[in-house]
Amino acid sequence: MLALVLTLAGNVTHASDLELEEYLQRAASARARGDWQSAAHQFAQAINHADLPRGGTMRSEVHLEYGRSMGVLCQYAEAEKYLLKAKDIAAQAGAPMFPVLQELLAVSVAQKKYDAATAYFAQLQPLIERESRIKSSPLQVANAFEKIADVLMAAGKTAEADARRAEAARVREAAPKKAPAGTITPYGAQCPKG
């Protein structure tokens, strides 16, 4: 996800564009080392930067990354707000919807908003099949299957939950590479103490 933002940002020519690129690079570095607070701060700077396009894939990606960061910090209302903005911007731009739907599913499960999670999974499932996401994003697909299994288990649908977990295991087994840091969002992992 962030690779696309950095690739797009890498095509800058003006000084203020370079400032925007620095925010994005610092955010990526912070996320890679597990410093989601700094990542959130840098993504917020990028969102508010005058040179961030008002629409399109890059804006959607930056909103998505800020939303993810806020979700890790347990700022769920802010996370959802920006993930939904990312979804709207992506839809208007004709950008892929899989990443943002997968994140909306995950943040909904983290909050135990199972009806919302089920609705996002219903939108996500056809994209998994139609876009061959099992091959291009296997770890995210496996994560989505595991999240919906959590929802099914909470609803008492043990057999369906077990089937989704088995499906996730098959996807992970076919792509046994470990996920790079920050690939799977650890929602709620860095809640403020006190």
N, C-alpha and C. Protein backbone atom coordinates (compact mmCIF):
# COMPACT_ATOMS: atom_id res chain seq x y z
N MET A 1 0.82 -1.19 0.00
CA MET A 1 0.00 0.00 0.00
C MET A 1 0.87 1.26 0.00
N LEU A 2 1.69 1.36 1.01
CA LEU A 2 2.52 2.56 1.13
C LEU A 2 3.52 2.66 0.00
N ALA A 3 3.90 1.53 -0.58
CA ALA A 3 4.86 1.55 -1.68
C ALA A 3 4.30 2.38 -2.83
N LEU A 4 3.00 2.28 -3.09
CA LEU A 4 2.39 3.06 -4.15
C LEU A 4 2.48 4.55 -3.83
N VAL A 5 2.20 4.93 -2.59
CA VAL A 5 2.28 6.33 -2.19
C VAL A 5 3.70 6.85 -2.40
N LEU A 6 4.68 6.06 -1.97
CA LEU A 6 6.07 6.50 -2.11
C LEU A 6 6.50 6.56 -3.56
N THR A 7 6.01 5.64 -4.39
CA THR A 7 6.32 5.68 -5.81
C THR A 7 5.74 6.93 -6.44
N LEU A 8 4.49 7.22 -6.13
CA LEU A 8 3.85 8.43 -6.66
C LEU A 8 4.56 9.67 -6.16
N ALA A 9 4.93 9.67 -4.90
CA ALA A 9 5.61 10.83 -4.33
C ALA A 9 7.01 10.98 -4.90
N GLY A 10 7.60 9.90 -5.37
CA GLY A 10 8.94 9.94 -5.91
C GLY A 10 9.06 10.70 -7.21
N ASN A 11 7.96 11.08 -7.80
CA ASN A 11 7.95 11.81 -9.06
C ASN A 11 7.78 13.30 -8.85
N VAL A 12 8.31 13.85 -7.78
CA VAL A 12 8.12 15.26 -7.45
C VAL A 12 9.25 16.10 -8.02
N THR A 13 8.95 17.39 -8.21
CA THR A 13 9.96 18.29 -8.77
C THR A 13 10.08 19.60 -8.01
N HIS A 14 9.08 20.03 -7.29
CA HIS A 14 9.10 21.30 -6.58
C HIS A 14 9.54 21.10 -5.14
N ALA A 15 10.05 22.18 -4.53
CA ALA A 15 10.53 22.11 -3.14
C ALA A 15 9.42 21.67 -2.19
N SER A 16 8.20 22.21 -2.37
CA SER A 16 7.12 21.82 -1.47
C SER A 16 6.71 20.37 -1.71
N ASP A 17 6.88 19.90 -2.95
CA ASP A 17 6.63 18.48 -3.23
C ASP A 17 7.63 17.62 -2.48
N LEU A 18 8.86 18.09 -2.38
CA LEU A 18 9.89 17.35 -1.66
C LEU A 18 9.54 17.25 -0.18
N GLU A 19 8.95 18.31 0.36
CA GLU A 19 8.51 18.28 1.75
C GLU A 19 7.44 17.20 1.95
N LEU A 20 6.49 17.13 1.03
CA LEU A 20 5.46 16.10 1.08
C LEU A 20 6.10 14.71 1.02
N GLU A 21 7.04 14.53 0.14
CA GLU A 21 7.73 13.24 0.02
C GLU A 21 8.44 12.88 1.32
N GLU A 22 9.04 13.88 1.98
CA GLU A 22 9.71 13.63 3.25
C GLU A 22 8.73 13.14 4.31
N TYR A 23 7.55 13.75 4.37
CA TYR A 23 6.53 13.29 5.32
C TYR A 23 6.22 11.82 5.07
N LEU A 24 6.02 11.47 3.81
CA LEU A 24 5.65 10.10 3.46
C LEU A 24 6.79 9.12 3.77
N GLN A 25 8.01 9.52 3.49
CA GLN A 25 9.14 8.64 3.78
C GLN A 25 9.34 8.47 5.29
N ARG A 26 9.19 9.55 6.04
CA ARG A 26 9.32 9.44 7.50
C ARG A 26 8.21 8.57 8.08
N ALA A 27 7.01 8.69 7.51
CA ALA A 27 5.89 7.86 7.97
C ALA A 27 6.18 6.39 7.69
N ALA A 28 6.70 6.09 6.51
CA ALA A 28 7.01 4.71 6.17
C ALA A 28 8.09 4.15 7.09
N SER A 29 9.08 4.93 7.38
CA SER A 29 10.16 4.49 8.27
C SER A 29 9.62 4.25 9.68
N ALA A 30 8.80 5.15 10.16
CA ALA A 30 8.22 5.01 11.50
C ALA A 30 7.37 3.76 11.59
N ARG A 31 6.56 3.53 10.59
CA ARG A 31 5.71 2.35 10.58
C ARG A 31 6.55 1.08 10.56
N ALA A 32 7.60 1.06 9.76
CA ALA A 32 8.47 -0.12 9.64
C ALA A 32 9.13 -0.47 10.97
N ARG A 33 9.42 0.53 11.78
CA ARG A 33 10.04 0.25 13.09
C ARG A 33 8.99 0.12 14.20
N GLY A 34 7.71 0.13 13.82
CA GLY A 34 6.64 -0.08 14.79
C GLY A 34 6.24 1.15 15.58
N ASP A 35 6.67 2.33 15.13
CA ASP A 35 6.34 3.58 15.80
C ASP A 35 5.11 4.20 15.12
N TRP A 36 3.95 3.67 15.47
CA TRP A 36 2.71 4.09 14.81
C TRP A 36 2.32 5.52 15.20
N GLN A 37 2.73 5.98 16.36
CA GLN A 37 2.44 7.36 16.77
C GLN A 37 3.13 8.33 15.82
N SER A 38 4.41 8.11 15.55
CA SER A 38 5.13 8.97 14.61
C SER A 38 4.58 8.83 13.21
N ALA A 39 4.23 7.61 12.83
CA ALA A 39 3.65 7.40 11.49
C ALA A 39 2.37 8.20 11.35
N ALA A 40 1.51 8.15 12.38
CA ALA A 40 0.25 8.91 12.33
C ALA A 40 0.53 10.40 12.19
N HIS A 41 1.50 10.89 12.94
CA HIS A 41 1.84 12.32 12.87
C HIS A 41 2.30 12.71 11.46
N GLN A 42 3.16 11.89 10.88
CA GLN A 42 3.68 12.20 9.54
C GLN A 42 2.58 12.09 8.47
N PHE A 43 1.72 11.08 8.59
CA PHE A 43 0.62 10.98 7.63
C PHE A 43 -0.35 12.15 7.77
N ALA A 44 -0.58 12.61 9.00
CA ALA A 44 -1.43 13.79 9.21
C ALA A 44 -0.82 15.00 8.52
N GLN A 45 0.49 15.17 8.63
CA GLN A 45 1.17 16.27 7.96
C GLN A 45 0.98 16.17 6.44
N ALA A 46 1.08 14.95 5.92
CA ALA A 46 0.91 14.75 4.48
C ALA A 46 -0.52 15.07 4.04
N ILE A 47 -1.50 14.64 4.83
CA ILE A 47 -2.91 14.91 4.49
C ILE A 47 -3.16 16.41 4.41
N ASN A 48 -2.55 17.15 5.31
CA ASN A 48 -2.77 18.60 5.36
C ASN A 48 -1.85 19.40 4.46
N HIS A 49 -0.97 18.71 3.74
CA HIS A 49 -0.02 19.40 2.87
C HIS A 49 -0.73 19.91 1.61
N ALA A 50 -0.43 21.13 1.25
CA ALA A 50 -1.09 21.78 0.10
C ALA A 50 -0.86 21.03 -1.21
N ASP A 51 0.24 20.31 -1.34
CA ASP A 51 0.54 19.65 -2.60
C ASP A 51 0.00 18.23 -2.71
N LEU A 52 -0.66 17.74 -1.66
CA LEU A 52 -1.29 16.43 -1.79
C LEU A 52 -2.49 16.61 -2.71
N PRO A 53 -2.55 15.83 -3.78
CA PRO A 53 -3.68 15.99 -4.72
C PRO A 53 -5.02 15.88 -3.99
N ARG A 54 -6.01 16.63 -4.47
CA ARG A 54 -7.32 16.68 -3.82
C ARG A 54 -8.14 15.42 -4.05
N GLY A 55 -7.71 14.58 -4.94
CA GLY A 55 -8.40 13.32 -5.21
C GLY A 55 -7.39 12.32 -5.73
N GLY A 56 -7.85 11.17 -6.13
CA GLY A 56 -6.98 10.19 -6.74
C GLY A 56 -6.38 9.19 -5.78
N THR A 57 -5.63 8.29 -6.37
CA THR A 57 -5.07 7.16 -5.63
C THR A 57 -4.14 7.60 -4.51
N MET A 58 -3.31 8.59 -4.76
CA MET A 58 -2.35 9.00 -3.73
C MET A 58 -3.08 9.52 -2.48
N ARG A 59 -4.08 10.37 -2.66
CA ARG A 59 -4.83 10.89 -1.51
C ARG A 59 -5.52 9.75 -0.78
N SER A 60 -6.10 8.83 -1.52
CA SER A 60 -6.75 7.68 -0.90
C SER A 60 -5.76 6.88 -0.06
N GLU A 61 -4.59 6.63 -0.61
CA GLU A 61 -3.56 5.87 0.10
C GLU A 61 -3.11 6.57 1.39
N VAL A 62 -2.93 7.88 1.33
CA VAL A 62 -2.48 8.61 2.51
C VAL A 62 -3.56 8.58 3.59
N HIS A 63 -4.81 8.74 3.20
CA HIS A 63 -5.92 8.65 4.16
C HIS A 63 -5.97 7.23 4.76
N LEU A 64 -5.79 6.23 3.93
CA LEU A 64 -5.79 4.85 4.38
C LEU A 64 -4.70 4.63 5.42
N GLU A 65 -3.51 5.09 5.13
CA GLU A 65 -2.39 4.88 6.04
C GLU A 65 -2.57 5.64 7.36
N TYR A 66 -3.12 6.84 7.28
CA TYR A 66 -3.40 7.59 8.51
C TYR A 66 -4.47 6.85 9.33
N GLY A 67 -5.50 6.37 8.67
CA GLY A 67 -6.55 5.61 9.37
C GLY A 67 -6.00 4.37 10.05
N ARG A 68 -5.15 3.64 9.34
CA ARG A 68 -4.52 2.45 9.93
C ARG A 68 -3.74 2.85 11.19
N SER A 69 -2.93 3.89 11.07
CA SER A 69 -2.10 4.33 12.19
C SER A 69 -2.96 4.69 13.40
N MET A 70 -4.04 5.40 13.16
CA MET A 70 -4.91 5.80 14.28
C MET A 70 -5.59 4.59 14.90
N GLY A 71 -5.90 3.59 14.10
CA GLY A 71 -6.50 2.37 14.64
C GLY A 71 -5.55 1.60 15.55
N VAL A 72 -4.29 1.57 15.20
CA VAL A 72 -3.29 0.91 16.05
C VAL A 72 -3.23 1.62 17.40
N LEU A 73 -3.43 2.95 17.37
CA LEU A 73 -3.38 3.76 18.58
C LEU A 73 -4.71 3.80 19.33
N CYS A 74 -5.65 2.95 18.91
CA CYS A 74 -6.98 2.82 19.53
C CYS A 74 -7.84 4.06 19.37
N GLN A 75 -7.52 4.88 18.41
CA GLN A 75 -8.35 6.04 18.08
C GLN A 75 -9.32 5.61 16.98
N TYR A 76 -10.24 4.73 17.36
CA TYR A 76 -11.07 4.05 16.38
C TYR A 76 -12.00 4.97 15.60
N ALA A 77 -12.57 5.98 16.24
CA ALA A 77 -13.46 6.89 15.51
C ALA A 77 -12.68 7.62 14.41
N GLU A 78 -11.49 8.08 14.75
CA GLU A 78 -10.64 8.76 13.77
C GLU A 78 -10.20 7.79 12.68
N ALA A 79 -9.87 6.57 13.07
CA ALA A 79 -9.45 5.55 12.10
C ALA A 79 -10.57 5.29 11.10
N GLU A 80 -11.77 5.05 11.60
CA GLU A 80 -12.90 4.78 10.70
C GLU A 80 -13.19 5.97 9.79
N LYS A 81 -13.14 7.15 10.35
CA LYS A 81 -13.40 8.37 9.57
C LYS A 81 -12.47 8.44 8.36
N TYR A 82 -11.18 8.21 8.59
CA TYR A 82 -10.22 8.33 7.49
C TYR A 82 -10.21 7.11 6.57
N LEU A 83 -10.53 5.95 7.10
CA LEU A 83 -10.66 4.78 6.23
C LEU A 83 -11.87 4.94 5.31
N LEU A 84 -12.95 5.49 5.84
CA LEU A 84 -14.13 5.74 4.99
C LEU A 84 -13.84 6.81 3.94
N LYS A 85 -13.08 7.84 4.34
CA LYS A 85 -12.68 8.85 3.35
C LYS A 85 -11.83 8.21 2.27
N ALA A 86 -10.90 7.34 2.67
CA ALA A 86 -10.05 6.64 1.70
C ALA A 86 -10.91 5.81 0.74
N LYS A 87 -11.93 5.18 1.28
CA LYS A 87 -12.84 4.36 0.45
C LYS A 87 -13.56 5.24 -0.57
N ASP A 88 -14.09 6.37 -0.12
CA ASP A 88 -14.80 7.28 -1.03
C ASP A 88 -13.87 7.82 -2.12
N ILE A 89 -12.68 8.22 -1.73
CA ILE A 89 -11.72 8.77 -2.70
C ILE A 89 -11.30 7.70 -3.69
N ALA A 90 -11.05 6.49 -3.20
CA ALA A 90 -10.66 5.38 -4.08
C ALA A 90 -11.78 5.07 -5.07
N ALA A 91 -13.02 5.07 -4.59
CA ALA A 91 -14.16 4.79 -5.47
C ALA A 91 -14.26 5.85 -6.57
N GLN A 92 -14.10 7.11 -6.21
CA GLN A 92 -14.17 8.20 -7.19
C GLN A 92 -13.03 8.11 -8.20
N ALA A 93 -11.87 7.64 -7.75
CA ALA A 93 -10.70 7.57 -8.63
C ALA A 93 -10.64 6.28 -9.43
N GLY A 94 -11.53 5.35 -9.14
CA GLY A 94 -11.48 4.06 -9.80
C GLY A 94 -10.30 3.23 -9.33
N ALA A 95 -9.81 3.51 -8.12
CA ALA A 95 -8.66 2.81 -7.54
C ALA A 95 -9.12 1.48 -6.93
N PRO A 96 -8.20 0.57 -6.71
CA PRO A 96 -8.56 -0.71 -6.10
C PRO A 96 -9.21 -0.52 -4.73
N MET A 97 -10.27 -1.26 -4.50
CA MET A 97 -11.01 -1.15 -3.25
C MET A 97 -10.59 -2.19 -2.22
N PHE A 98 -9.89 -3.22 -2.64
CA PHE A 98 -9.50 -4.30 -1.73
C PHE A 98 -8.78 -3.78 -0.48
N PRO A 99 -7.72 -2.96 -0.62
CA PRO A 99 -6.98 -2.56 0.59
C PRO A 99 -7.83 -1.86 1.64
N VAL A 100 -8.66 -0.94 1.20
CA VAL A 100 -9.44 -0.17 2.17
C VAL A 100 -10.56 -1.02 2.77
N LEU A 101 -11.19 -1.89 1.99
CA LEU A 101 -12.23 -2.77 2.54
C LEU A 101 -11.63 -3.75 3.54
N GLN A 102 -10.44 -4.25 3.24
CA GLN A 102 -9.77 -5.17 4.15
C GLN A 102 -9.47 -4.47 5.47
N GLU A 103 -9.05 -3.21 5.43
CA GLU A 103 -8.77 -2.46 6.65
C GLU A 103 -10.06 -2.12 7.41
N LEU A 104 -11.12 -1.77 6.69
CA LEU A 104 -12.40 -1.49 7.35
C LEU A 104 -12.93 -2.75 8.05
N LEU A 105 -12.76 -3.89 7.41
CA LEU A 105 -13.13 -5.16 8.04
C LEU A 105 -12.33 -5.35 9.33
N ALA A 106 -11.02 -5.18 9.26
CA ALA A 106 -10.16 -5.42 10.41
C ALA A 106 -10.46 -4.46 11.57
N VAL A 107 -10.65 -3.18 11.27
CA VAL A 107 -10.92 -2.22 12.35
C VAL A 107 -12.31 -2.47 12.95
N SER A 108 -13.24 -2.95 12.16
CA SER A 108 -14.57 -3.29 12.68
C SER A 108 -14.49 -4.47 13.64
N VAL A 109 -13.69 -5.48 13.28
CA VAL A 109 -13.52 -6.64 14.16
C VAL A 109 -12.83 -6.21 15.45
N ALA A 110 -11.83 -5.35 15.35
CA ALA A 110 -11.12 -4.88 16.55
C ALA A 110 -12.07 -4.21 17.52
N GLN A 111 -13.12 -3.58 16.99
CA GLN A 111 -14.09 -2.88 17.84
C GLN A 111 -15.30 -3.75 18.19
N LYS A 112 -15.29 -4.98 17.68
CA LYS A 112 -16.41 -5.92 17.86
C LYS A 112 -17.69 -5.40 17.20
N LYS A 113 -17.53 -4.67 16.13
CA LYS A 113 -18.66 -4.20 15.33
C LYS A 113 -18.89 -5.25 14.24
N TYR A 114 -19.49 -6.36 14.64
CA TYR A 114 -19.56 -7.51 13.76
C TYR A 114 -20.50 -7.33 12.57
N ASP A 115 -21.57 -6.56 12.73
CA ASP A 115 -22.45 -6.32 11.59
C ASP A 115 -21.71 -5.55 10.49
N ALA A 116 -20.96 -4.53 10.90
CA ALA A 116 -20.18 -3.75 9.92
C ALA A 116 -19.11 -4.63 9.29
N ALA A 117 -18.45 -5.46 10.10
CA ALA A 117 -17.41 -6.35 9.58
C ALA A 117 -18.00 -7.30 8.53
N THR A 118 -19.17 -7.83 8.81
CA THR A 118 -19.82 -8.74 7.87
C THR A 118 -20.15 -8.02 6.57
N ALA A 119 -20.60 -6.79 6.66
CA ALA A 119 -20.91 -6.01 5.45
C ALA A 119 -19.65 -5.73 4.63
N TYR A 120 -18.55 -5.41 5.29
CA TYR A 120 -17.31 -5.16 4.55
C TYR A 120 -16.79 -6.44 3.91
N PHE A 121 -16.92 -7.57 4.63
CA PHE A 121 -16.46 -8.83 4.05
C PHE A 121 -17.30 -9.19 2.82
N ALA A 122 -18.60 -8.90 2.88
CA ALA A 122 -19.46 -9.18 1.72
C ALA A 122 -19.01 -8.39 0.49
N GLN A 123 -18.51 -7.18 0.70
CA GLN A 123 -17.98 -6.38 -0.42
C GLN A 123 -16.59 -6.86 -0.84
N LEU A 124 -15.85 -7.38 0.11
CA LEU A 124 -14.47 -7.80 -0.12
C LEU A 124 -14.38 -9.14 -0.84
N GLN A 125 -15.26 -10.07 -0.51
CA GLN A 125 -15.16 -11.42 -1.05
C GLN A 125 -15.15 -11.47 -2.58
N PRO A 126 -16.04 -10.76 -3.27
CA PRO A 126 -15.98 -10.83 -4.74
C PRO A 126 -14.67 -10.26 -5.29
N LEU A 127 -14.09 -9.27 -4.60
CA LEU A 127 -12.83 -8.69 -5.05
C LEU A 127 -11.68 -9.69 -4.91
N ILE A 128 -11.74 -10.48 -3.85
CA ILE A 128 -10.72 -11.51 -3.65
C ILE A 128 -10.72 -12.46 -4.84
N GLU A 129 -11.89 -12.86 -5.26
CA GLU A 129 -12.01 -13.81 -6.37
C GLU A 129 -11.74 -13.14 -7.72
N ARG A 130 -12.36 -12.00 -7.95
CA ARG A 130 -12.27 -11.34 -9.25
C ARG A 130 -10.88 -10.79 -9.53
N GLU A 131 -10.20 -10.28 -8.52
CA GLU A 131 -8.90 -9.64 -8.72
C GLU A 131 -7.72 -10.56 -8.44
N SER A 132 -7.99 -11.86 -8.26
CA SER A 132 -6.93 -12.82 -7.95
C SER A 132 -6.08 -12.36 -6.78
N ARG A 133 -6.71 -11.83 -5.77
CA ARG A 133 -5.99 -11.29 -4.62
C ARG A 133 -5.25 -12.37 -3.83
N ILE A 134 -5.67 -13.62 -3.94
CA ILE A 134 -4.97 -14.67 -3.21
C ILE A 134 -3.53 -14.75 -3.70
N LYS A 135 -3.31 -14.48 -4.98
CA LYS A 135 -1.95 -14.51 -5.52
C LYS A 135 -1.21 -13.19 -5.27
N SER A 136 -1.90 -12.06 -5.43
CA SER A 136 -1.21 -10.77 -5.32
C SER A 136 -1.10 -10.24 -3.89
N SER A 137 -2.02 -10.60 -3.01
CA SER A 137 -2.03 -10.11 -1.62
C SER A 137 -2.39 -11.25 -0.67
N PRO A 138 -1.65 -12.35 -0.70
CA PRO A 138 -2.08 -13.53 0.08
C PRO A 138 -2.16 -13.28 1.59
N LEU A 139 -1.25 -12.52 2.14
CA LEU A 139 -1.28 -12.32 3.59
C LEU A 139 -2.47 -11.48 4.02
N GLN A 140 -2.84 -10.50 3.19
CA GLN A 140 -4.02 -9.69 3.50
C GLN A 140 -5.30 -10.51 3.34
N VAL A 141 -5.34 -11.38 2.33
CA VAL A 141 -6.51 -12.24 2.13
C VAL A 141 -6.64 -13.20 3.31
N ALA A 142 -5.54 -13.82 3.72
CA ALA A 142 -5.58 -14.73 4.87
C ALA A 142 -6.05 -13.98 6.11
N ASN A 143 -5.57 -12.76 6.29
CA ASN A 143 -5.99 -11.94 7.43
C ASN A 143 -7.50 -11.67 7.36
N ALA A 144 -8.01 -11.36 6.18
CA ALA A 144 -9.44 -11.10 6.03
C ALA A 144 -10.25 -12.36 6.38
N PHE A 145 -9.79 -13.52 5.92
CA PHE A 145 -10.48 -14.77 6.26
C PHE A 145 -10.46 -15.02 7.77
N GLU A 146 -9.34 -14.72 8.40
CA GLU A 146 -9.26 -14.91 9.86
C GLU A 146 -10.18 -13.93 10.59
N LYS A 147 -10.27 -12.71 10.10
CA LYS A 147 -11.15 -11.72 10.74
C LYS A 147 -12.61 -12.13 10.62
N ILE A 148 -13.00 -12.61 9.45
CA ILE A 148 -14.41 -13.01 9.30
C ILE A 148 -14.66 -14.27 10.12
N ALA A 149 -13.64 -15.10 10.30
CA ALA A 149 -13.80 -16.27 11.17
C ALA A 149 -14.08 -15.82 12.60
N ASP A 150 -13.43 -14.75 13.05
CA ASP A 150 -13.70 -14.20 14.39
C ASP A 150 -15.15 -13.76 14.50
N VAL A 151 -15.64 -13.12 13.44
CA VAL A 151 -17.03 -12.66 13.42
C VAL A 151 -17.98 -13.85 13.50
N LEU A 152 -17.71 -14.86 12.69
CA LEU A 152 -18.56 -16.05 12.67
C LEU A 152 -18.55 -16.76 14.03
N MET A 153 -17.38 -16.84 14.64
CA MET A 153 -17.27 -17.48 15.95
C MET A 153 -18.08 -16.71 16.99
N ALA A 154 -18.02 -15.39 16.95
CA ALA A 154 -18.79 -14.56 17.89
C ALA A 154 -20.28 -14.76 17.70
N ALA A 155 -20.68 -15.09 16.46
CA ALA A 155 -22.09 -15.32 16.17
C ALA A 155 -22.50 -16.77 16.45
N GLY A 156 -21.55 -17.58 16.96
CA GLY A 156 -21.86 -18.97 17.27
C GLY A 156 -21.85 -19.89 16.07
N LYS A 157 -21.29 -19.44 14.98
CA LYS A 157 -21.24 -20.25 13.75
C LYS A 157 -19.87 -20.93 13.65
N THR A 158 -19.67 -21.87 14.54
CA THR A 158 -18.37 -22.51 14.69
C THR A 158 -17.90 -23.21 13.42
N ALA A 159 -18.76 -23.96 12.78
CA ALA A 159 -18.36 -24.71 11.58
C ALA A 159 -17.92 -23.75 10.47
N GLU A 160 -18.67 -22.68 10.28
CA GLU A 160 -18.30 -21.69 9.25
C GLU A 160 -16.99 -21.00 9.62
N ALA A 161 -16.82 -20.69 10.90
CA ALA A 161 -15.59 -20.06 11.36
C ALA A 161 -14.40 -20.99 11.12
N ASP A 162 -14.56 -22.26 11.44
CA ASP A 162 -13.48 -23.22 11.22
C ASP A 162 -13.13 -23.33 9.74
N ALA A 163 -14.15 -23.29 8.88
CA ALA A 163 -13.91 -23.36 7.43
C ALA A 163 -13.11 -22.15 6.95
N ARG A 164 -13.42 -20.96 7.46
CA ARG A 164 -12.68 -19.74 7.09
C ARG A 164 -11.25 -19.80 7.61
N ARG A 165 -11.07 -20.30 8.82
CA ARG A 165 -9.71 -20.42 9.36
C ARG A 165 -8.89 -21.41 8.53
N ALA A 166 -9.52 -22.49 8.11
CA ALA A 166 -8.82 -23.47 7.27
C ALA A 166 -8.46 -22.85 5.93
N GLU A 167 -9.37 -22.04 5.40
CA GLU A 167 -9.10 -21.33 4.14
C GLU A 167 -7.91 -20.37 4.31
N ALA A 168 -7.88 -19.66 5.43
CA ALA A 168 -6.77 -18.75 5.72
C ALA A 168 -5.46 -19.53 5.82
N ALA A 169 -5.50 -20.68 6.47
CA ALA A 169 -4.29 -21.50 6.62
C ALA A 169 -3.79 -21.97 5.26
N ARG A 170 -4.70 -22.36 4.36
CA ARG A 170 -4.30 -22.79 3.00
C ARG A 170 -3.63 -21.64 2.25
N VAL A 171 -4.19 -20.44 2.37
CA VAL A 171 -3.61 -19.28 1.69
C VAL A 171 -2.22 -19.00 2.26
N ARG A 172 -2.09 -19.03 3.57
CA ARG A 172 -0.79 -18.77 4.21
C ARG A 172 0.24 -19.84 3.83
N GLU A 173 -0.21 -21.08 3.77
CA GLU A 173 0.69 -22.18 3.42
C GLU A 173 1.22 -22.04 2.00
N ALA A 174 0.38 -21.56 1.10
CA ALA A 174 0.79 -21.38 -0.30
C ALA A 174 1.76 -20.20 -0.45
N ALA A 175 1.74 -19.28 0.50
CA ALA A 175 2.63 -18.11 0.47
C ALA A 175 3.28 -17.98 1.84
N PRO A 176 4.22 -18.88 2.16
CA PRO A 176 4.75 -18.94 3.52
C PRO A 176 5.67 -17.81 3.93
N LYS A 177 5.90 -16.86 3.03
CA LYS A 177 6.75 -15.73 3.39
C LYS A 177 6.17 -14.96 4.56
N LYS A 178 7.04 -14.51 5.44
CA LYS A 178 6.59 -13.69 6.56
C LYS A 178 6.21 -12.30 6.06
N ALA A 179 5.17 -11.74 6.66
CA ALA A 179 4.71 -10.41 6.27
C ALA A 179 5.73 -9.36 6.69
N PRO A 180 6.07 -8.44 5.77
CA PRO A 180 6.94 -7.32 6.16
C PRO A 180 6.26 -6.49 7.25
N ALA A 181 7.07 -5.86 8.09
CA ALA A 181 6.54 -5.05 9.18
C ALA A 181 5.52 -4.04 8.65
N GLY A 182 4.39 -3.96 9.32
CA GLY A 182 3.37 -2.99 8.94
C GLY A 182 2.41 -3.48 7.87
N THR A 183 2.59 -4.70 7.34
CA THR A 183 1.71 -5.21 6.30
C THR A 183 0.31 -5.48 6.86
N ILE A 184 0.28 -6.16 7.99
CA ILE A 184 -0.98 -6.45 8.66
C ILE A 184 -1.10 -5.47 9.82
N THR A 185 -2.17 -4.72 9.83
CA THR A 185 -2.35 -3.67 10.83
C THR A 185 -2.68 -4.28 12.19
N PRO A 186 -1.87 -4.00 13.20
CA PRO A 186 -2.15 -4.52 14.55
C PRO A 186 -3.09 -3.58 15.32
N TYR A 187 -4.35 -3.54 14.88
CA TYR A 187 -5.31 -2.63 15.50
C TYR A 187 -5.36 -2.83 17.02
N GLY A 188 -5.30 -1.70 17.73
CA GLY A 188 -5.40 -1.72 19.18
C GLY A 188 -4.12 -2.11 19.91
N ALA A 189 -3.03 -2.25 19.18
CA ALA A 189 -1.78 -2.73 19.79
C ALA A 189 -1.04 -1.67 20.60
N GLN A 190 -1.29 -0.39 20.33
CA GLN A 190 -0.54 0.66 21.02
C GLN A 190 -1.49 1.69 21.63
N CYS A 191 -2.45 1.17 22.39
CA CYS A 191 -3.40 2.07 23.06
C CYS A 191 -2.66 2.89 24.11
N PRO A 192 -3.01 4.16 24.22
CA PRO A 192 -2.39 4.98 25.27
C PRO A 192 -2.70 4.40 26.65
N LYS A 193 -1.73 4.42 27.49
CA LYS A 193 -1.91 3.90 28.85
C LYS A 193 -2.45 5.01 29.75
N GLY A 194 -3.30 4.61 30.68
CA GLY A 194 -3.79 5.58 31.66
C GLY A 194 -5.04 6.13 31.26
